[in-house]
Amino acid sequence: MAIHRSLVIFAIVALMVPAISLTTDFVWAKDKQFFVGDTLVFTYNATFHNVYKVNGDDFQSCTVPSNNSLVFFTGNDTIKLATTGNEWYVCGVIGHCDLGMKLNITVVDGTGPAADPSAA
């Protein structure tokens, strides 16, 4: 039986959050290993946020292309990591990515110890 690992990476629980507090520090992900088969869980207030999967250039410039169909907006989105390589995610609400609501991870092949989602 495969071990199902979920990483909670995005949690916004307040109904209204001042813009200055939107800065989200995803530095914790820098030292984490992400494996094919892992599941990312984005939990957020869908009234004020969303999640877009973008490419590296769009991640750096905080740009969400108008033809991007890889948008998540339920407030409880799960993304199964199916391939190796870099993955980039941003909040598509104007200004949020610039304030730090973005995530860059590298997915590798293999397996590792199950991560504790509460440690995120």
N, C-alpha and C. Protein backbone atom coordinates (compact mmCIF):
# COMPACT_ATOMS: atom_id res chain seq x y z
N MET A 1 0.85 -1.17 0.00
CA MET A 1 0.00 0.00 0.00
C MET A 1 0.90 1.24 0.00
N ALA A 2 0.62 2.12 -0.89
CA ALA A 2 1.43 3.34 -1.00
C ALA A 2 1.11 4.28 0.15
N ILE A 3 2.14 4.95 0.61
CA ILE A 3 1.95 5.95 1.67
C ILE A 3 1.51 7.24 1.01
N HIS A 4 0.41 7.77 1.46
CA HIS A 4 -0.11 9.02 0.91
C HIS A 4 0.43 10.17 1.75
N ARG A 5 1.20 11.04 1.12
CA ARG A 5 1.80 12.17 1.82
C ARG A 5 1.18 13.46 1.31
N SER A 6 0.75 14.27 2.22
CA SER A 6 0.20 15.57 1.86
C SER A 6 1.01 16.65 2.53
N LEU A 7 1.22 17.72 1.82
CA LEU A 7 1.94 18.86 2.37
C LEU A 7 1.04 20.08 2.30
N VAL A 8 0.67 20.56 3.44
CA VAL A 8 -0.16 21.76 3.48
C VAL A 8 0.77 22.94 3.29
N ILE A 9 0.58 23.68 2.19
CA ILE A 9 1.53 24.74 1.88
C ILE A 9 0.92 26.12 1.82
N PHE A 10 -0.34 26.21 1.99
CA PHE A 10 -0.96 27.50 1.75
C PHE A 10 -2.18 27.60 2.65
N ALA A 11 -2.17 28.39 3.68
CA ALA A 11 -3.34 28.47 4.55
C ALA A 11 -3.67 29.92 4.85
N ILE A 12 -4.80 30.37 4.37
CA ILE A 12 -5.30 31.70 4.68
C ILE A 12 -6.68 31.49 5.29
N VAL A 13 -6.86 31.83 6.55
CA VAL A 13 -8.11 31.51 7.21
C VAL A 13 -8.97 32.73 7.52
N ALA A 14 -8.41 33.90 7.53
CA ALA A 14 -9.21 35.09 7.83
C ALA A 14 -10.06 35.48 6.64
N LEU A 15 -11.23 36.04 6.89
CA LEU A 15 -12.08 36.49 5.79
C LEU A 15 -11.50 37.71 5.10
N MET A 16 -10.90 38.59 5.86
CA MET A 16 -10.32 39.79 5.27
C MET A 16 -8.94 39.98 5.88
N VAL A 17 -7.92 39.97 5.06
CA VAL A 17 -6.55 40.08 5.54
C VAL A 17 -5.93 41.33 4.95
N PRO A 18 -5.38 42.22 5.77
CA PRO A 18 -4.71 43.39 5.21
C PRO A 18 -3.59 42.96 4.27
N ALA A 19 -3.35 43.73 3.23
CA ALA A 19 -2.37 43.37 2.20
C ALA A 19 -0.99 43.10 2.78
N ILE A 20 -0.58 43.85 3.77
CA ILE A 20 0.76 43.68 4.32
C ILE A 20 0.94 42.29 4.94
N SER A 21 -0.14 41.70 5.45
CA SER A 21 -0.01 40.39 6.08
C SER A 21 -0.11 39.25 5.07
N LEU A 22 -0.28 39.56 3.79
CA LEU A 22 -0.35 38.52 2.78
C LEU A 22 1.01 37.92 2.47
N THR A 23 2.08 38.58 2.87
CA THR A 23 3.40 38.05 2.59
C THR A 23 3.52 36.67 3.22
N THR A 24 3.79 35.69 2.39
CA THR A 24 3.89 34.31 2.84
C THR A 24 5.28 33.82 2.55
N ASP A 25 5.95 33.33 3.55
CA ASP A 25 7.33 32.89 3.41
C ASP A 25 7.37 31.40 3.16
N PHE A 26 7.66 31.01 1.92
CA PHE A 26 7.75 29.60 1.58
C PHE A 26 9.19 29.11 1.61
N VAL A 27 10.03 29.77 2.41
CA VAL A 27 11.42 29.36 2.54
C VAL A 27 11.49 27.93 3.07
N TRP A 28 10.51 27.50 3.87
CA TRP A 28 10.51 26.14 4.42
C TRP A 28 10.61 25.10 3.32
N ALA A 29 10.07 25.38 2.14
CA ALA A 29 10.08 24.41 1.05
C ALA A 29 11.46 24.24 0.44
N LYS A 30 12.33 25.21 0.65
CA LYS A 30 13.66 25.18 0.04
C LYS A 30 14.45 23.94 0.44
N ASP A 31 14.33 23.50 1.67
CA ASP A 31 15.09 22.35 2.15
C ASP A 31 14.29 21.05 2.15
N LYS A 32 13.08 21.08 1.62
CA LYS A 32 12.23 19.89 1.59
C LYS A 32 12.45 19.13 0.29
N GLN A 33 12.28 17.82 0.37
CA GLN A 33 12.33 16.99 -0.83
C GLN A 33 10.90 16.65 -1.22
N PHE A 34 10.61 16.81 -2.50
CA PHE A 34 9.30 16.48 -3.04
C PHE A 34 9.49 15.36 -4.05
N PHE A 35 8.68 14.32 -3.93
CA PHE A 35 8.84 13.13 -4.76
C PHE A 35 7.63 12.94 -5.67
N VAL A 36 7.87 12.30 -6.82
CA VAL A 36 6.77 11.89 -7.68
C VAL A 36 5.82 11.06 -6.83
N GLY A 37 4.54 11.37 -6.89
CA GLY A 37 3.54 10.68 -6.08
C GLY A 37 3.10 11.47 -4.86
N ASP A 38 3.90 12.47 -4.44
CA ASP A 38 3.48 13.33 -3.33
C ASP A 38 2.27 14.15 -3.77
N THR A 39 1.54 14.65 -2.80
CA THR A 39 0.38 15.48 -3.07
C THR A 39 0.55 16.82 -2.36
N LEU A 40 0.42 17.90 -3.12
CA LEU A 40 0.42 19.23 -2.53
C LEU A 40 -1.02 19.57 -2.19
N VAL A 41 -1.24 20.18 -1.03
CA VAL A 41 -2.57 20.61 -0.63
C VAL A 41 -2.52 22.11 -0.40
N PHE A 42 -3.30 22.84 -1.18
CA PHE A 42 -3.41 24.29 -1.02
C PHE A 42 -4.73 24.57 -0.32
N THR A 43 -4.67 25.13 0.89
CA THR A 43 -5.86 25.47 1.65
C THR A 43 -5.86 26.98 1.87
N TYR A 44 -6.93 27.65 1.42
CA TYR A 44 -6.97 29.11 1.47
C TYR A 44 -8.42 29.57 1.35
N ASN A 45 -8.66 30.85 1.61
CA ASN A 45 -9.99 31.44 1.46
C ASN A 45 -10.19 31.76 -0.02
N ALA A 46 -11.07 31.01 -0.68
CA ALA A 46 -11.28 31.15 -2.12
C ALA A 46 -11.93 32.47 -2.51
N THR A 47 -12.46 33.20 -1.56
CA THR A 47 -13.02 34.51 -1.87
C THR A 47 -11.92 35.50 -2.22
N PHE A 48 -10.73 35.30 -1.65
CA PHE A 48 -9.65 36.26 -1.80
C PHE A 48 -8.39 35.72 -2.48
N HIS A 49 -8.35 34.43 -2.80
CA HIS A 49 -7.13 33.84 -3.34
C HIS A 49 -7.45 32.76 -4.37
N ASN A 50 -6.42 32.32 -5.08
CA ASN A 50 -6.49 31.20 -6.01
C ASN A 50 -5.07 30.67 -6.17
N VAL A 51 -4.90 29.64 -6.97
CA VAL A 51 -3.58 29.08 -7.22
C VAL A 51 -3.46 28.82 -8.72
N TYR A 52 -2.40 29.34 -9.32
CA TYR A 52 -2.10 29.08 -10.72
C TYR A 52 -0.79 28.32 -10.81
N LYS A 53 -0.75 27.31 -11.67
CA LYS A 53 0.52 26.66 -12.01
C LYS A 53 1.08 27.42 -13.20
N VAL A 54 2.32 27.91 -13.07
CA VAL A 54 2.93 28.73 -14.12
C VAL A 54 4.31 28.17 -14.47
N ASN A 55 4.95 28.77 -15.47
CA ASN A 55 6.32 28.37 -15.81
C ASN A 55 7.30 29.25 -15.04
N GLY A 56 8.59 28.94 -15.17
CA GLY A 56 9.62 29.64 -14.40
C GLY A 56 9.69 31.13 -14.68
N ASP A 57 9.56 31.53 -15.95
CA ASP A 57 9.61 32.96 -16.28
C ASP A 57 8.43 33.70 -15.67
N ASP A 58 7.23 33.12 -15.77
CA ASP A 58 6.04 33.76 -15.20
C ASP A 58 6.12 33.79 -13.68
N PHE A 59 6.75 32.78 -13.09
CA PHE A 59 6.95 32.76 -11.64
C PHE A 59 7.83 33.94 -11.22
N GLN A 60 8.94 34.14 -11.93
CA GLN A 60 9.87 35.22 -11.59
C GLN A 60 9.23 36.59 -11.73
N SER A 61 8.40 36.77 -12.76
CA SER A 61 7.78 38.07 -13.02
C SER A 61 6.40 38.21 -12.39
N CYS A 62 5.93 37.16 -11.72
CA CYS A 62 4.59 37.15 -11.12
C CYS A 62 3.52 37.47 -12.17
N THR A 63 3.63 36.79 -13.31
CA THR A 63 2.67 36.97 -14.40
C THR A 63 1.81 35.72 -14.53
N VAL A 64 0.50 35.93 -14.66
CA VAL A 64 -0.41 34.82 -14.92
C VAL A 64 -0.90 35.00 -16.35
N PRO A 65 -0.45 34.14 -17.29
CA PRO A 65 -0.88 34.28 -18.68
C PRO A 65 -2.40 34.14 -18.80
N SER A 66 -2.98 34.91 -19.71
CA SER A 66 -4.44 34.88 -19.87
C SER A 66 -4.93 33.54 -20.40
N ASN A 67 -4.06 32.77 -21.05
CA ASN A 67 -4.47 31.47 -21.59
C ASN A 67 -4.14 30.32 -20.63
N ASN A 68 -3.85 30.63 -19.37
CA ASN A 68 -3.48 29.60 -18.40
C ASN A 68 -4.73 28.85 -17.94
N SER A 69 -4.78 27.57 -18.26
CA SER A 69 -5.93 26.76 -17.85
C SER A 69 -5.64 25.99 -16.56
N LEU A 70 -4.43 26.13 -16.03
CA LEU A 70 -4.07 25.40 -14.82
C LEU A 70 -4.30 26.28 -13.60
N VAL A 71 -5.58 26.58 -13.36
CA VAL A 71 -5.97 27.41 -12.23
C VAL A 71 -6.78 26.56 -11.25
N PHE A 72 -6.55 26.82 -9.98
CA PHE A 72 -7.27 26.13 -8.91
C PHE A 72 -7.93 27.23 -8.08
N PHE A 73 -9.17 27.03 -7.68
CA PHE A 73 -9.89 28.11 -7.02
C PHE A 73 -10.90 27.64 -5.98
N THR A 74 -10.81 26.39 -5.53
CA THR A 74 -11.80 25.88 -4.59
C THR A 74 -11.52 26.26 -3.14
N GLY A 75 -10.26 26.58 -2.83
CA GLY A 75 -9.88 26.85 -1.45
C GLY A 75 -9.36 25.61 -0.74
N ASN A 76 -9.49 24.46 -1.40
CA ASN A 76 -8.96 23.20 -0.86
C ASN A 76 -8.53 22.34 -2.05
N ASP A 77 -7.44 22.74 -2.68
CA ASP A 77 -7.00 22.11 -3.92
C ASP A 77 -5.87 21.12 -3.66
N THR A 78 -5.95 19.96 -4.30
CA THR A 78 -4.88 18.98 -4.19
C THR A 78 -4.26 18.77 -5.57
N ILE A 79 -2.95 18.70 -5.58
CA ILE A 79 -2.21 18.52 -6.83
C ILE A 79 -1.25 17.36 -6.63
N LYS A 80 -1.45 16.30 -7.39
CA LYS A 80 -0.57 15.12 -7.32
C LYS A 80 0.65 15.40 -8.19
N LEU A 81 1.83 15.25 -7.62
CA LEU A 81 3.07 15.48 -8.35
C LEU A 81 3.38 14.22 -9.16
N ALA A 82 3.24 14.33 -10.49
CA ALA A 82 3.31 13.16 -11.36
C ALA A 82 4.62 13.03 -12.12
N THR A 83 5.38 14.12 -12.25
CA THR A 83 6.61 14.08 -13.04
C THR A 83 7.74 14.78 -12.29
N THR A 84 8.96 14.44 -12.66
CA THR A 84 10.12 15.10 -12.06
C THR A 84 10.31 16.47 -12.69
N GLY A 85 11.02 17.33 -11.99
CA GLY A 85 11.34 18.66 -12.51
C GLY A 85 10.84 19.75 -11.60
N ASN A 86 10.95 20.98 -12.08
CA ASN A 86 10.51 22.14 -11.31
C ASN A 86 9.01 22.36 -11.47
N GLU A 87 8.39 22.83 -10.41
CA GLU A 87 6.97 23.20 -10.40
C GLU A 87 6.88 24.59 -9.79
N TRP A 88 6.06 25.45 -10.39
CA TRP A 88 5.91 26.82 -9.92
C TRP A 88 4.43 27.12 -9.74
N TYR A 89 4.07 27.73 -8.60
CA TYR A 89 2.69 28.08 -8.29
C TYR A 89 2.65 29.50 -7.75
N VAL A 90 1.61 30.25 -8.14
CA VAL A 90 1.44 31.62 -7.66
C VAL A 90 -0.03 31.87 -7.35
N CYS A 91 -0.27 32.85 -6.48
CA CYS A 91 -1.63 33.37 -6.30
C CYS A 91 -1.84 34.36 -7.43
N GLY A 92 -2.94 34.21 -8.18
CA GLY A 92 -3.20 35.06 -9.34
C GLY A 92 -3.92 36.36 -9.03
N VAL A 93 -4.24 36.61 -7.77
CA VAL A 93 -4.88 37.87 -7.40
C VAL A 93 -3.82 38.97 -7.50
N ILE A 94 -4.20 40.07 -8.13
CA ILE A 94 -3.26 41.16 -8.39
C ILE A 94 -2.52 41.57 -7.12
N GLY A 95 -1.19 41.55 -7.20
CA GLY A 95 -0.33 41.98 -6.11
C GLY A 95 0.07 40.89 -5.12
N HIS A 96 -0.69 39.81 -5.04
CA HIS A 96 -0.39 38.79 -4.04
C HIS A 96 0.93 38.07 -4.31
N CYS A 97 1.19 37.70 -5.55
CA CYS A 97 2.46 37.05 -5.88
C CYS A 97 3.63 37.97 -5.56
N ASP A 98 3.49 39.25 -5.90
CA ASP A 98 4.56 40.22 -5.61
C ASP A 98 4.83 40.33 -4.12
N LEU A 99 3.81 40.05 -3.30
CA LEU A 99 3.97 40.09 -1.85
C LEU A 99 4.48 38.77 -1.28
N GLY A 100 4.76 37.79 -2.16
CA GLY A 100 5.36 36.54 -1.71
C GLY A 100 4.48 35.32 -1.75
N MET A 101 3.27 35.43 -2.24
CA MET A 101 2.39 34.26 -2.29
C MET A 101 2.70 33.45 -3.54
N LYS A 102 3.84 32.76 -3.50
CA LYS A 102 4.28 31.92 -4.60
C LYS A 102 5.16 30.81 -4.06
N LEU A 103 5.21 29.71 -4.80
CA LEU A 103 5.95 28.53 -4.36
C LEU A 103 6.68 27.92 -5.54
N ASN A 104 7.95 27.60 -5.33
CA ASN A 104 8.77 26.91 -6.33
C ASN A 104 9.32 25.65 -5.67
N ILE A 105 9.08 24.49 -6.28
CA ILE A 105 9.61 23.24 -5.74
C ILE A 105 10.27 22.45 -6.86
N THR A 106 11.12 21.51 -6.47
CA THR A 106 11.72 20.57 -7.41
C THR A 106 11.25 19.18 -7.02
N VAL A 107 10.69 18.46 -7.99
CA VAL A 107 10.16 17.12 -7.76
C VAL A 107 11.19 16.11 -8.29
N VAL A 108 11.53 15.13 -7.45
CA VAL A 108 12.51 14.12 -7.83
C VAL A 108 11.86 12.74 -7.85
N ASP A 109 12.50 11.82 -8.54
CA ASP A 109 12.02 10.45 -8.60
C ASP A 109 12.45 9.73 -7.33
N GLY A 110 11.70 8.74 -6.93
CA GLY A 110 12.06 7.97 -5.75
C GLY A 110 11.07 8.16 -4.64
N THR A 111 11.43 7.64 -3.48
CA THR A 111 10.56 7.76 -2.32
C THR A 111 11.37 8.27 -1.15
N GLY A 112 10.70 8.84 -0.23
CA GLY A 112 11.34 9.34 0.97
C GLY A 112 10.45 9.10 2.15
N PRO A 113 10.87 9.53 3.32
CA PRO A 113 10.03 9.35 4.50
C PRO A 113 8.77 10.20 4.38
N ALA A 114 7.69 9.71 4.92
CA ALA A 114 6.43 10.46 4.89
C ALA A 114 6.61 11.75 5.67
N ALA A 115 6.17 12.85 5.08
CA ALA A 115 6.29 14.15 5.74
C ALA A 115 5.12 14.36 6.67
N ASP A 116 5.35 15.08 7.74
CA ASP A 116 4.30 15.44 8.68
C ASP A 116 3.66 16.74 8.19
N PRO A 117 2.40 16.71 7.70
CA PRO A 117 1.77 17.92 7.16
C PRO A 117 1.69 19.05 8.18
N SER A 118 1.63 18.74 9.47
CA SER A 118 1.54 19.79 10.47
C SER A 118 2.84 20.56 10.61
N ALA A 119 3.94 20.00 10.10
CA ALA A 119 5.24 20.69 10.18
C ALA A 119 5.35 21.79 9.15
N ALA A 120 4.46 21.81 8.17
CA ALA A 120 4.50 22.83 7.13
C ALA A 120 4.04 24.12 7.72
